[in-house]
C-alpha cells in the first residue's frame, strides 16, 4: 500500500463521516420546492410520470427516472427523494479528489 492509497482511505473515511452528518442534518429540514416538484412528477405510474414531465419545464423524463425507481422500491420519504442528489454529490467529490491525486505530487 503506497501513500496515495492511505490518503484515499482517509479521504473516504472523512467523506463517509460527512455523509452521516449531512443525513442527520437533512432529517431536520423539510422539502424544498424542487423536491416537491420531483415528488409530484414521480408519484404515480410511469405513464403518469411521462405525462407530468412537460409541466416540470424539463425537456426529458431522464432526471426523474432514478427517483421514480427508488420511490417504487424504498418509498417516498424525504431521504429517498434526496438520495439521487446525495449520491451525485458524493461521486463528484470522489472523482474530483481522484483527479487531483493524479495531477499533483
N, C-alpha and C. Protein backbone atom coordinates (compact mmCIF):
# COMPACT_ATOMS: atom_id res chain seq x y z
N UNK A 1 0.86 -1.18 0.00
CA UNK A 1 0.00 0.00 0.00
C UNK A 1 0.90 1.23 0.00
N UNK A 2 0.73 2.09 -1.00
CA UNK A 2 1.55 3.30 -1.06
C UNK A 2 0.83 4.47 -0.40
N UNK A 3 1.47 5.63 -0.42
CA UNK A 3 0.95 6.81 0.29
C UNK A 3 -0.39 7.26 -0.27
N UNK A 4 -0.58 7.16 -1.60
CA UNK A 4 -1.85 7.62 -2.17
C UNK A 4 -3.01 6.73 -1.74
N UNK A 5 -2.76 5.42 -1.51
CA UNK A 5 -3.82 4.55 -1.02
C UNK A 5 -4.23 4.94 0.39
N UNK A 6 -3.27 5.28 1.22
CA UNK A 6 -3.58 5.73 2.58
C UNK A 6 -4.36 7.03 2.59
N UNK A 7 -3.98 7.94 1.71
CA UNK A 7 -4.71 9.22 1.62
C UNK A 7 -6.13 8.98 1.12
N UNK A 8 -6.27 8.08 0.15
CA UNK A 8 -7.60 7.78 -0.38
C UNK A 8 -8.48 7.18 0.71
N UNK A 9 -7.91 6.25 1.49
CA UNK A 9 -8.68 5.64 2.57
C UNK A 9 -9.11 6.68 3.60
N UNK A 10 -8.20 7.57 3.99
CA UNK A 10 -8.56 8.63 4.95
C UNK A 10 -9.62 9.55 4.36
N UNK A 11 -9.47 9.87 3.08
CA UNK A 11 -10.45 10.72 2.42
C UNK A 11 -11.83 10.07 2.42
N UNK A 12 -11.89 8.78 2.09
CA UNK A 12 -13.18 8.09 2.06
C UNK A 12 -13.80 7.99 3.45
N UNK A 13 -12.97 7.80 4.47
CA UNK A 13 -13.49 7.79 5.84
C UNK A 13 -14.08 9.14 6.21
N UNK A 14 -13.37 10.21 5.86
CA UNK A 14 -13.87 11.56 6.14
C UNK A 14 -15.15 11.83 5.35
N UNK A 15 -15.19 11.38 4.11
CA UNK A 15 -16.38 11.56 3.29
C UNK A 15 -17.57 10.80 3.87
N UNK A 16 -17.34 9.61 4.37
CA UNK A 16 -18.40 8.83 5.00
C UNK A 16 -18.90 9.52 6.26
N UNK A 17 -18.00 10.09 7.05
CA UNK A 17 -18.41 10.84 8.23
C UNK A 17 -19.23 12.06 7.88
N UNK A 18 -18.81 12.78 6.84
CA UNK A 18 -19.58 13.94 6.41
C UNK A 18 -20.94 13.53 5.86
N UNK A 19 -20.99 12.40 5.19
CA UNK A 19 -22.26 11.90 4.69
C UNK A 19 -23.21 11.60 5.85
N UNK A 20 -22.72 10.96 6.88
CA UNK A 20 -23.55 10.66 8.05
C UNK A 20 -24.06 11.95 8.70
N UNK A 21 -23.18 12.93 8.84
CA UNK A 21 -23.59 14.22 9.41
C UNK A 21 -24.61 14.91 8.52
N UNK A 22 -24.40 14.88 7.21
CA UNK A 22 -25.32 15.50 6.27
C UNK A 22 -26.70 14.84 6.34
N UNK A 23 -26.73 13.52 6.41
CA UNK A 23 -28.01 12.81 6.51
C UNK A 23 -28.73 13.15 7.80
N UNK A 24 -27.99 13.29 8.87
CA UNK A 24 -28.59 13.69 10.14
C UNK A 24 -29.19 15.09 10.04
N UNK A 25 -28.45 16.01 9.44
CA UNK A 25 -28.95 17.38 9.31
C UNK A 25 -30.14 17.46 8.35
N UNK A 26 -30.17 16.60 7.32
CA UNK A 26 -31.29 16.60 6.39
C UNK A 26 -32.58 16.18 7.07
N UNK A 27 -32.47 15.38 8.10
CA UNK A 27 -33.68 14.93 8.78
C UNK A 27 -34.40 16.08 9.50
N UNK A 28 -33.71 17.20 9.71
CA UNK A 28 -34.32 18.34 10.38
C UNK A 28 -34.81 19.40 9.39
N UNK A 29 -34.66 19.16 8.11
CA UNK A 29 -35.03 20.14 7.09
C UNK A 29 -36.18 19.60 6.26
N UNK A 30 -37.18 20.43 6.00
CA UNK A 30 -38.30 19.98 5.19
C UNK A 30 -37.95 20.06 3.71
N UNK A 31 -38.86 19.56 2.88
CA UNK A 31 -38.61 19.53 1.44
C UNK A 31 -38.59 20.94 0.85
N UNK A 32 -37.77 21.12 -0.17
CA UNK A 32 -37.71 22.37 -0.91
C UNK A 32 -38.60 22.26 -2.14
N UNK A 33 -38.76 23.37 -2.85
CA UNK A 33 -39.69 23.41 -3.98
C UNK A 33 -39.32 22.40 -5.05
N UNK A 34 -38.04 22.27 -5.39
CA UNK A 34 -37.66 21.31 -6.43
C UNK A 34 -37.93 19.88 -6.00
N UNK A 35 -37.81 19.61 -4.70
CA UNK A 35 -38.10 18.26 -4.20
C UNK A 35 -39.61 17.99 -4.23
N UNK A 36 -40.41 19.02 -3.96
CA UNK A 36 -41.86 18.86 -4.09
C UNK A 36 -42.23 18.59 -5.55
N UNK A 37 -41.57 19.29 -6.48
CA UNK A 37 -41.84 19.08 -7.91
C UNK A 37 -41.46 17.65 -8.29
N UNK A 38 -40.31 17.18 -7.82
CA UNK A 38 -39.91 15.80 -8.11
C UNK A 38 -40.93 14.82 -7.54
N UNK A 39 -41.36 15.06 -6.31
CA UNK A 39 -42.36 14.18 -5.69
C UNK A 39 -43.64 14.15 -6.52
N UNK A 40 -44.08 15.31 -6.99
CA UNK A 40 -45.30 15.36 -7.79
C UNK A 40 -45.14 14.58 -9.09
N UNK A 41 -44.00 14.75 -9.75
CA UNK A 41 -43.78 14.08 -11.04
C UNK A 41 -43.66 12.57 -10.86
N UNK A 42 -42.98 12.11 -9.82
CA UNK A 42 -42.73 10.66 -9.68
C UNK A 42 -43.84 9.91 -8.98
N UNK A 43 -44.78 10.62 -8.34
CA UNK A 43 -45.86 9.89 -7.67
C UNK A 43 -46.84 9.40 -8.74
N UNK A 44 -47.06 8.14 -8.74
CA UNK A 44 -47.94 7.54 -9.73
C UNK A 44 -47.19 6.55 -10.62
N UNK A 45 -47.83 6.18 -11.69
CA UNK A 45 -47.26 5.19 -12.60
C UNK A 45 -46.24 5.84 -13.53
N UNK A 46 -45.57 5.00 -14.30
CA UNK A 46 -44.59 5.50 -15.26
C UNK A 46 -45.27 6.36 -16.33
N UNK A 47 -46.46 5.97 -16.74
CA UNK A 47 -47.21 6.74 -17.74
C UNK A 47 -47.57 8.12 -17.17
N UNK A 48 -47.96 8.16 -15.91
CA UNK A 48 -48.25 9.45 -15.26
C UNK A 48 -46.99 10.30 -15.17
N UNK A 49 -45.86 9.68 -14.90
CA UNK A 49 -44.59 10.41 -14.88
C UNK A 49 -44.35 11.07 -16.23
N UNK A 50 -44.52 10.32 -17.30
CA UNK A 50 -44.30 10.87 -18.64
C UNK A 50 -45.28 12.01 -18.94
N UNK A 51 -46.51 11.90 -18.44
CA UNK A 51 -47.50 12.96 -18.67
C UNK A 51 -47.18 14.22 -17.87
N UNK A 52 -46.54 14.07 -16.71
CA UNK A 52 -46.27 15.23 -15.84
C UNK A 52 -44.96 15.95 -16.17
N UNK A 53 -44.09 15.33 -16.93
CA UNK A 53 -42.79 15.94 -17.23
C UNK A 53 -42.92 17.30 -17.91
N UNK A 54 -43.78 17.47 -18.92
CA UNK A 54 -43.86 18.81 -19.54
C UNK A 54 -44.21 19.92 -18.55
N UNK A 55 -45.00 19.63 -17.54
CA UNK A 55 -45.35 20.65 -16.54
C UNK A 55 -44.17 21.00 -15.65
N UNK A 56 -43.16 20.14 -15.62
CA UNK A 56 -41.98 20.40 -14.78
C UNK A 56 -40.98 21.32 -15.47
N UNK A 57 -41.24 21.67 -16.73
CA UNK A 57 -40.38 22.55 -17.52
C UNK A 57 -39.02 21.94 -17.82
N UNK A 58 -38.94 20.62 -17.82
CA UNK A 58 -37.74 19.93 -18.25
C UNK A 58 -38.05 19.21 -19.56
N UNK A 59 -37.10 19.19 -20.49
CA UNK A 59 -37.39 18.61 -21.80
C UNK A 59 -37.39 17.08 -21.83
N UNK A 60 -36.93 16.44 -20.76
CA UNK A 60 -36.76 15.00 -20.79
C UNK A 60 -37.19 14.39 -19.46
N UNK A 61 -37.70 13.17 -19.47
CA UNK A 61 -38.02 12.49 -18.21
C UNK A 61 -36.82 11.86 -17.52
N UNK A 62 -35.63 11.91 -18.14
CA UNK A 62 -34.46 11.23 -17.57
C UNK A 62 -34.13 11.65 -16.13
N UNK A 63 -34.19 12.94 -15.76
CA UNK A 63 -33.85 13.28 -14.37
C UNK A 63 -34.81 12.68 -13.34
N UNK A 64 -35.97 12.23 -13.79
CA UNK A 64 -36.96 11.69 -12.86
C UNK A 64 -36.97 10.17 -12.79
N UNK A 65 -36.24 9.50 -13.68
CA UNK A 65 -36.31 8.04 -13.72
C UNK A 65 -35.72 7.39 -12.47
N UNK A 66 -34.54 7.81 -12.06
CA UNK A 66 -33.94 7.21 -10.86
C UNK A 66 -34.79 7.50 -9.60
N UNK A 67 -35.22 8.75 -9.37
CA UNK A 67 -36.10 8.97 -8.21
C UNK A 67 -37.39 8.15 -8.29
N UNK A 68 -37.94 7.99 -9.50
CA UNK A 68 -39.17 7.20 -9.64
C UNK A 68 -38.91 5.74 -9.26
N UNK A 69 -37.80 5.17 -9.78
CA UNK A 69 -37.46 3.78 -9.44
C UNK A 69 -37.22 3.61 -7.94
N UNK A 70 -36.47 4.55 -7.36
CA UNK A 70 -36.21 4.47 -5.92
C UNK A 70 -37.49 4.58 -5.12
N UNK A 71 -38.41 5.43 -5.57
CA UNK A 71 -39.67 5.59 -4.82
C UNK A 71 -40.51 4.32 -4.87
N UNK A 72 -40.39 3.55 -5.95
CA UNK A 72 -41.14 2.29 -6.05
C UNK A 72 -40.53 1.22 -5.15
N UNK A 73 -39.22 1.30 -4.93
CA UNK A 73 -38.54 0.28 -4.12
C UNK A 73 -38.50 0.69 -2.64
N UNK A 74 -38.15 1.96 -2.37
CA UNK A 74 -37.90 2.41 -1.00
C UNK A 74 -38.98 3.32 -0.42
N UNK A 75 -39.94 3.73 -1.22
CA UNK A 75 -40.98 4.64 -0.75
C UNK A 75 -40.64 6.08 -1.12
N UNK A 76 -41.42 7.00 -0.61
CA UNK A 76 -41.25 8.41 -0.98
C UNK A 76 -40.91 9.28 0.23
N UNK A 77 -40.08 8.79 1.09
CA UNK A 77 -39.66 9.62 2.23
C UNK A 77 -38.76 10.75 1.75
N UNK A 78 -38.55 11.73 2.61
CA UNK A 78 -37.68 12.85 2.26
C UNK A 78 -36.28 12.37 1.92
N UNK A 79 -35.78 11.41 2.67
CA UNK A 79 -34.43 10.90 2.43
C UNK A 79 -34.33 10.24 1.06
N UNK A 80 -35.34 9.46 0.69
CA UNK A 80 -35.32 8.78 -0.61
C UNK A 80 -35.37 9.80 -1.74
N UNK A 81 -36.14 10.86 -1.58
CA UNK A 81 -36.21 11.90 -2.61
C UNK A 81 -34.86 12.61 -2.78
N UNK A 82 -34.09 12.69 -1.71
CA UNK A 82 -32.80 13.37 -1.76
C UNK A 82 -31.65 12.43 -2.10
N UNK A 83 -31.88 11.15 -2.09
CA UNK A 83 -30.82 10.16 -2.29
C UNK A 83 -30.09 10.28 -3.63
N UNK A 84 -30.77 10.46 -4.77
CA UNK A 84 -30.03 10.60 -6.03
C UNK A 84 -29.10 11.81 -6.04
N UNK A 85 -29.55 12.93 -5.51
CA UNK A 85 -28.70 14.12 -5.47
C UNK A 85 -27.52 13.90 -4.54
N UNK A 86 -27.76 13.27 -3.43
CA UNK A 86 -26.69 12.99 -2.48
C UNK A 86 -25.65 12.06 -3.10
N UNK A 87 -26.09 11.05 -3.81
CA UNK A 87 -25.16 10.13 -4.47
C UNK A 87 -24.35 10.86 -5.55
N UNK A 88 -25.00 11.75 -6.28
CA UNK A 88 -24.29 12.50 -7.32
C UNK A 88 -23.22 13.40 -6.71
N UNK A 89 -23.52 14.03 -5.59
CA UNK A 89 -22.54 14.89 -4.93
C UNK A 89 -21.36 14.06 -4.43
N UNK A 90 -21.65 12.92 -3.81
CA UNK A 90 -20.57 12.07 -3.30
C UNK A 90 -19.67 11.56 -4.43
N UNK A 91 -20.27 11.14 -5.51
CA UNK A 91 -19.47 10.67 -6.65
C UNK A 91 -18.63 11.81 -7.24
N UNK A 92 -19.21 12.99 -7.33
CA UNK A 92 -18.47 14.14 -7.86
C UNK A 92 -17.27 14.48 -6.99
N UNK A 93 -17.49 14.48 -5.68
CA UNK A 93 -16.39 14.79 -4.76
C UNK A 93 -15.30 13.74 -4.87
N UNK A 94 -15.68 12.47 -4.92
CA UNK A 94 -14.69 11.40 -5.02
C UNK A 94 -13.88 11.51 -6.31
N UNK A 95 -14.56 11.71 -7.44
CA UNK A 95 -13.84 11.79 -8.72
C UNK A 95 -12.99 13.05 -8.80
N UNK A 96 -13.43 14.12 -8.21
CA UNK A 96 -12.60 15.33 -8.16
C UNK A 96 -11.35 15.07 -7.33
N UNK A 97 -11.49 14.36 -6.23
CA UNK A 97 -10.35 14.00 -5.40
C UNK A 97 -9.37 13.11 -6.17
N UNK A 98 -9.90 12.10 -6.86
CA UNK A 98 -9.03 11.22 -7.64
C UNK A 98 -8.32 11.98 -8.75
N UNK A 99 -9.02 12.91 -9.39
CA UNK A 99 -8.42 13.75 -10.42
C UNK A 99 -7.29 14.58 -9.84
N UNK A 100 -7.52 15.15 -8.66
CA UNK A 100 -6.50 15.96 -8.01
C UNK A 100 -5.28 15.11 -7.65
N UNK A 101 -5.50 13.87 -7.20
CA UNK A 101 -4.39 12.98 -6.89
C UNK A 101 -3.53 12.68 -8.12
N UNK A 102 -4.20 12.51 -9.24
CA UNK A 102 -3.48 12.19 -10.47
C UNK A 102 -2.63 13.35 -10.96
N UNK A 103 -3.06 14.57 -10.70
CA UNK A 103 -2.41 15.74 -11.25
C UNK A 103 -1.59 16.54 -10.24
N UNK A 104 -1.34 15.97 -9.09
CA UNK A 104 -0.45 16.60 -8.10
C UNK A 104 0.64 15.62 -7.71
N UNK A 105 1.54 16.06 -6.92
CA UNK A 105 2.69 15.27 -6.43
C UNK A 105 3.77 15.31 -7.41
